Amino acid sequence: RSVQTFPNSGTGITKGVATGSSLVLAGCVTGAPPGTGTTGPDDISITFGPSGTDGPCVQVPTTTVPGPPTTVPPTYLPQNPIYNNPNYFTGPTNGICTKLEPVATPFVMPVPEFGNVWTLLVIKAGSGTQANQLVAAPAVGQSYTHTSGQDISHVIFCQRPFSED
C-alpha cells in the first residue's frame, strides 16, 4: 500500500491508495486537456476526463486501475452465530463493519465511502470449519467466491478511514 500526494505537480491527484490488486486514485485536475494522462513506474496510464485548460478545478471521479492478481492462502472461521454479526469484527483494526444479504455469487467488492479503505471481507457459505472465509484488504471491483464453491449466503465487509500509518 502506498500513498502519494502531489500538491504542486500540476496533476492535481491528491491521493493514491493501493488496496489488494487495485490502485485507487482520487483528486482534482486543473488545466488537464481531455485525454491526457501520466504513466507511472509500473506503466499504469491514467486518462483524465474532460476538463478545460483554463477552467476551474474539475473533480476527477475515483478511478480504479486493475493491478496484477495476488494469491493469498485463505483464512477461515468455523460456523458460529457470533461470526454472523458485523459487530464481532467492528473495532480499531477493521473499522466499521456491515452485513449484506442476500448477495450474488460471485460477490463484487464495491467502492468504500470516500476517504476509507476496505480492511476485511467475510464470505459466508455452507457450514463447518471453513464456513466463514476471511479476505484481508479486499480489492475494489474484484469478484469473490467462497473456496468451497457453494453459493454465498452473506458477506460482512469492513472499512476504516485511510491512514498513512
C-alpha atoms as a PDB file:
ATOM      1  CA  ARG A   1       0.000   0.000   0.000  1.00  0.00           C
ATOM      2  CA  SER A   2       1.271   3.406  -0.799  1.00  0.00           C
ATOM      3  CA  VAL A   3       0.038   6.945  -0.883  1.00  0.00           C
ATOM      4  CA  GLN A   4       1.382   9.768  -2.954  1.00  0.00           C
ATOM      5  CA  THR A   5       0.446  13.393  -2.540  1.00  0.00           C
ATOM      6  CA  PHE A   6       1.234  15.699  -5.427  1.00  0.00           C
ATOM      7  CA  PRO A   7       0.482  19.194  -4.093  1.00  0.00           C
ATOM      8  CA  ASN A   8       2.492  21.190  -6.668  1.00  0.00           C
ATOM      9  CA  SER A   9       2.973  18.756  -9.523  1.00  0.00           C
ATOM     10  CA  GLY A  10       0.180  20.092 -11.690  1.00  0.00           C
ATOM     11  CA  THR A  11      -1.560  16.725 -11.802  1.00  0.00           C
ATOM     12  CA  GLY A  12      -3.954  17.578  -9.009  1.00  0.00           C
ATOM     13  CA  ILE A  13      -4.066  13.968  -7.869  1.00  0.00           C
ATOM     14  CA  THR A  14      -4.344  14.191  -4.127  1.00  0.00           C
ATOM     15  CA  LYS A  15      -4.371  10.559  -3.118  1.00  0.00           C
ATOM     16  CA  GLY A  16      -3.394   7.170  -4.472  1.00  0.00           C
ATOM     17  CA  VAL A  17      -4.116   4.069  -2.437  1.00  0.00           C
ATOM     18  CA  ALA A  18      -3.065   0.563  -3.399  1.00  0.00           C
ATOM     19  CA  THR A  19      -5.527  -1.939  -1.960  1.00  0.00           C
ATOM     20  CA  GLY A  20      -5.203  -5.593  -2.815  1.00  0.00           C
ATOM     21  CA  SER A  21      -4.677  -5.753  -6.559  1.00  0.00           C
ATOM     22  CA  SER A  22      -6.065  -2.287  -7.379  1.00  0.00           C
ATOM     23  CA  LEU A  23      -4.815   1.270  -7.337  1.00  0.00           C
ATOM     24  CA  VAL A  24      -7.469   3.808  -6.399  1.00  0.00           C
ATOM     25  CA  LEU A  25      -6.848   7.447  -7.290  1.00  0.00           C
ATOM     26  CA  ALA A  26      -8.831  10.464  -6.198  1.00  0.00           C
ATOM     27  CA  GLY A  27      -8.264  14.154  -6.625  1.00  0.00           C
ATOM     28  CA  CYS A  28      -8.773  17.236  -8.704  1.00  0.00           C
ATOM     29  CA  VAL A  29      -7.332  18.153 -12.089  1.00  0.00           C
ATOM     30  CA  THR A  30      -6.726  21.716 -13.198  1.00  0.00           C
ATOM     31  CA  GLY A  31      -5.657  22.552 -16.712  1.00  0.00           C
ATOM     32  CA  ALA A  32      -5.547  18.972 -17.969  1.00  0.00           C
ATOM     33  CA  PRO A  33      -6.782  18.744 -21.528  1.00  0.00           C
ATOM     34  CA  PRO A  34      -9.171  15.866 -22.197  1.00  0.00           C
ATOM     35  CA  GLY A  35      -7.450  12.559 -22.838  1.00  0.00           C
ATOM     36  CA  THR A  36      -4.154  13.430 -21.174  1.00  0.00           C
ATOM     37  CA  GLY A  37      -2.537  11.315 -18.544  1.00  0.00           C
ATOM     38  CA  THR A  38       0.614  10.133 -16.905  1.00  0.00           C
ATOM     39  CA  THR A  39       2.496   6.887 -16.916  1.00  0.00           C
ATOM     40  CA  GLY A  40       3.940   5.646 -13.655  1.00  0.00           C
ATOM     41  CA  PRO A  41       6.902   3.393 -12.963  1.00  0.00           C
ATOM     42  CA  ASP A  42       4.703   0.290 -13.385  1.00  0.00           C
ATOM     43  CA  ASP A  43       3.296   1.506 -16.719  1.00  0.00           C
ATOM     44  CA  ILE A  44      -0.072   2.443 -15.257  1.00  0.00           C
ATOM     45  CA  SER A  45      -1.636   5.017 -17.522  1.00  0.00           C
ATOM     46  CA  ILE A  46      -4.308   7.361 -16.161  1.00  0.00           C
ATOM     47  CA  THR A  47      -6.568   9.188 -18.582  1.00  0.00           C
ATOM     48  CA  PHE A  48      -8.284  12.246 -17.193  1.00  0.00           C
ATOM     49  CA  GLY A  49     -11.840  13.064 -18.152  1.00  0.00           C
ATOM     50  CA  PRO A  50     -12.926  16.217 -19.921  1.00  0.00           C
ATOM     51  CA  SER A  51     -11.599  19.416 -18.384  1.00  0.00           C
ATOM     52  CA  GLY A  52     -10.677  22.738 -19.877  1.00  0.00           C
ATOM     53  CA  THR A  53      -7.167  24.100 -19.897  1.00  0.00           C
ATOM     54  CA  ASP A  54      -8.296  27.376 -18.343  1.00  0.00           C
ATOM     55  CA  GLY A  55     -11.365  26.223 -16.457  1.00  0.00           C
ATOM     56  CA  PRO A  56     -11.913  25.723 -12.752  1.00  0.00           C
ATOM     57  CA  CYS A  57     -10.830  22.653 -10.875  1.00  0.00           C
ATOM     58  CA  VAL A  58     -12.667  19.555 -12.114  1.00  0.00           C
ATOM     59  CA  GLN A  59     -13.204  16.755  -9.610  1.00  0.00           C
ATOM     60  CA  VAL A  60     -11.913  13.515 -11.053  1.00  0.00           C
ATOM     61  CA  PRO A  61     -14.107  10.589 -10.092  1.00  0.00           C
ATOM     62  CA  THR A  62     -12.398   7.859  -8.130  1.00  0.00           C
ATOM     63  CA  THR A  63     -10.610   5.695 -10.661  1.00  0.00           C
ATOM     64  CA  THR A  64      -9.681   2.058 -10.150  1.00  0.00           C
ATOM     65  CA  VAL A  65      -6.786   0.689 -12.144  1.00  0.00           C
ATOM     66  CA  PRO A  66      -6.530  -3.114 -12.001  1.00  0.00           C
ATOM     67  CA  GLY A  67      -3.154  -4.392 -10.905  1.00  0.00           C
ATOM     68  CA  PRO A  68      -1.589  -7.814 -11.069  1.00  0.00           C
ATOM     69  CA  PRO A  69      -3.534 -10.581  -9.302  1.00  0.00           C
ATOM     70  CA  THR A  70      -2.231 -11.744  -5.962  1.00  0.00           C
ATOM     71  CA  THR A  71      -2.702 -15.132  -4.355  1.00  0.00           C
ATOM     72  CA  VAL A  72      -3.068 -15.343  -0.596  1.00  0.00           C
ATOM     73  CA  PRO A  73      -3.911 -18.592   1.198  1.00  0.00           C
ATOM     74  CA  PRO A  74      -7.467 -18.356   2.561  1.00  0.00           C
ATOM     75  CA  THR A  75      -8.169 -17.956   6.267  1.00  0.00           C
ATOM     76  CA  TYR A  76     -11.345 -19.359   7.799  1.00  0.00           C
ATOM     77  CA  LEU A  77     -13.527 -19.129  10.889  1.00  0.00           C
ATOM     78  CA  PRO A  78     -15.834 -22.057  11.720  1.00  0.00           C
ATOM     79  CA  GLN A  79     -19.613 -21.889  11.638  1.00  0.00           C
ATOM     80  CA  ASN A  80     -20.754 -19.985  14.725  1.00  0.00           C
ATOM     81  CA  PRO A  81     -23.649 -17.498  15.046  1.00  0.00           C
ATOM     82  CA  ILE A  82     -21.316 -14.892  16.559  1.00  0.00           C
ATOM     83  CA  TYR A  83     -19.479 -14.624  13.205  1.00  0.00           C
ATOM     84  CA  ASN A  84     -22.773 -13.690  11.506  1.00  0.00           C
ATOM     85  CA  ASN A  85     -22.819 -10.386  13.393  1.00  0.00           C
ATOM     86  CA  PRO A  86     -20.810  -7.473  11.916  1.00  0.00           C
ATOM     87  CA  ASN A  87     -20.258  -6.104  15.431  1.00  0.00           C
ATOM     88  CA  TYR A  88     -17.937  -9.052  16.123  1.00  0.00           C
ATOM     89  CA  PHE A  89     -15.498  -7.698  13.512  1.00  0.00           C
ATOM     90  CA  THR A  90     -16.007  -3.956  14.177  1.00  0.00           C
ATOM     91  CA  GLY A  91     -13.154  -2.279  16.038  1.00  0.00           C
ATOM     92  CA  PRO A  92      -9.992  -0.163  15.712  1.00  0.00           C
ATOM     93  CA  THR A  93      -8.272  -2.520  13.263  1.00  0.00           C
ATOM     94  CA  ASN A  94     -11.165  -3.244  10.917  1.00  0.00           C
ATOM     95  CA  GLY A  95     -13.240  -0.098  11.412  1.00  0.00           C
ATOM     96  CA  ILE A  96     -16.986  -0.205  10.865  1.00  0.00           C
ATOM     97  CA  CYS A  97     -18.401  -3.459   9.503  1.00  0.00           C
ATOM     98  CA  THR A  98     -21.641  -4.033   7.602  1.00  0.00           C
ATOM     99  CA  LYS A  99     -23.528  -7.219   6.772  1.00  0.00           C
ATOM    100  CA  LEU A 100     -25.142  -7.642   3.386  1.00  0.00           C
ATOM    101  CA  GLU A 101     -27.571 -10.430   2.490  1.00  0.00           C
ATOM    102  CA  PRO A 102     -28.646 -11.804   0.175  1.00  0.00           C
ATOM    103  CA  VAL A 103     -25.733 -11.362  -2.229  1.00  0.00           C
ATOM    104  CA  ALA A 104     -24.879 -12.704  -5.651  1.00  0.00           C
ATOM    105  CA  THR A 105     -22.206 -15.312  -6.201  1.00  0.00           C
ATOM    106  CA  PRO A 106     -19.635 -14.110  -7.076  1.00  0.00           C
ATOM    107  CA  PHE A 107     -19.713 -11.013  -4.872  1.00  0.00           C
ATOM    108  CA  VAL A 108     -18.157  -7.902  -6.443  1.00  0.00           C
ATOM    109  CA  MET A 109     -16.446  -5.612  -3.923  1.00  0.00           C
ATOM    110  CA  PRO A 110     -17.951  -2.099  -4.140  1.00  0.00           C
ATOM    111  CA  VAL A 111     -16.157   1.216  -3.665  1.00  0.00           C
ATOM    112  CA  PRO A 112     -15.861   2.178   0.037  1.00  0.00           C
ATOM    113  CA  GLU A 113     -17.045   5.517   1.360  1.00  0.00           C
ATOM    114  CA  PHE A 114     -14.799   8.399   0.250  1.00  0.00           C
ATOM    115  CA  GLY A 115     -11.601   8.538   2.294  1.00  0.00           C
ATOM    116  CA  ASN A 116     -11.984   4.944   3.517  1.00  0.00           C
ATOM    117  CA  VAL A 117     -10.287   1.674   2.613  1.00  0.00           C
ATOM    118  CA  TRP A 118     -11.590  -1.862   2.843  1.00  0.00           C
ATOM    119  CA  THR A 119      -9.943  -3.823   5.635  1.00  0.00           C
ATOM    120  CA  LEU A 120     -11.806  -7.132   5.718  1.00  0.00           C
ATOM    121  CA  LEU A 121     -14.315  -9.215   3.776  1.00  0.00           C
ATOM    122  CA  VAL A 122     -16.029 -12.207   5.422  1.00  0.00           C
ATOM    123  CA  ILE A 123     -17.633 -14.571   2.904  1.00  0.00           C
ATOM    124  CA  LYS A 124     -20.193 -16.950   4.464  1.00  0.00           C
ATOM    125  CA  ALA A 125     -21.112 -20.091   2.543  1.00  0.00           C
ATOM    126  CA  GLY A 126     -22.074 -23.528   3.727  1.00  0.00           C
ATOM    127  CA  SER A 127     -21.278 -24.810   7.190  1.00  0.00           C
ATOM    128  CA  GLY A 128     -18.476 -26.458   9.112  1.00  0.00           C
ATOM    129  CA  THR A 129     -14.935 -25.425   9.988  1.00  0.00           C
ATOM    130  CA  GLN A 130     -14.469 -23.331   6.824  1.00  0.00           C
ATOM    131  CA  ALA A 131     -17.895 -21.671   6.639  1.00  0.00           C
ATOM    132  CA  ASN A 132     -16.550 -18.124   7.001  1.00  0.00           C
ATOM    133  CA  GLN A 133     -13.752 -17.251   4.589  1.00  0.00           C
ATOM    134  CA  LEU A 134     -11.750 -14.130   5.536  1.00  0.00           C
ATOM    135  CA  VAL A 135     -10.191 -11.846   2.926  1.00  0.00           C
ATOM    136  CA  ALA A 136      -7.851  -9.129   4.224  1.00  0.00           C
ATOM    137  CA  ALA A 137      -7.797  -5.814   2.312  1.00  0.00           C
ATOM    138  CA  PRO A 138     -10.262  -6.833  -0.421  1.00  0.00           C
ATOM    139  CA  ALA A 139      -9.866  -5.019  -3.734  1.00  0.00           C
ATOM    140  CA  VAL A 140     -12.485  -2.711  -5.221  1.00  0.00           C
ATOM    141  CA  GLY A 141     -14.129  -4.273  -8.277  1.00  0.00           C
ATOM    142  CA  GLN A 142     -12.718  -7.727  -7.552  1.00  0.00           C
ATOM    143  CA  SER A 143     -15.110 -10.707  -7.769  1.00  0.00           C
ATOM    144  CA  TYR A 144     -15.028 -13.013  -4.752  1.00  0.00           C
ATOM    145  CA  THR A 145     -16.355 -16.541  -4.315  1.00  0.00           C
ATOM    146  CA  HIS A 146     -16.110 -18.961  -1.416  1.00  0.00           C
ATOM    147  CA  THR A 147     -13.398 -21.581  -1.916  1.00  0.00           C
ATOM    148  CA  SER A 148     -15.977 -24.321  -1.247  1.00  0.00           C
ATOM    149  CA  GLY A 149     -17.725 -23.406  -4.497  1.00  0.00           C
ATOM    150  CA  GLN A 150     -21.036 -23.028  -2.647  1.00  0.00           C
ATOM    151  CA  ASP A 151     -23.301 -20.027  -3.093  1.00  0.00           C
ATOM    152  CA  ILE A 152     -22.574 -17.120  -0.754  1.00  0.00           C
ATOM    153  CA  SER A 153     -25.291 -16.649   1.872  1.00  0.00           C
ATOM    154  CA  HIS A 154     -23.999 -13.305   3.145  1.00  0.00           C
ATOM    155  CA  VAL A 155     -20.918 -11.109   3.349  1.00  0.00           C
ATOM    156  CA  ILE A 156     -19.597  -8.803   6.029  1.00  0.00           C
ATOM    157  CA  PHE A 157     -17.268  -6.060   4.860  1.00  0.00           C
ATOM    158  CA  CYS A 158     -15.311  -3.606   6.975  1.00  0.00           C
ATOM    159  CA  GLN A 159     -13.888  -0.161   6.195  1.00  0.00           C
ATOM    160  CA  ARG A 160     -11.958   2.455   8.067  1.00  0.00           C
ATOM    161  CA  PRO A 161     -10.529   5.859   7.209  1.00  0.00           C
ATOM    162  CA  PHE A 162      -7.316   5.689   5.211  1.00  0.00           C
ATOM    163  CA  SER A 163      -4.205   6.412   7.233  1.00  0.00           C
ATOM    164  CA  GLU A 164      -0.564   6.578   6.155  1.00  0.00           C
ATOM    165  CA  ASP A 165       0.425   4.868   9.415  1.00  0.00           C
END
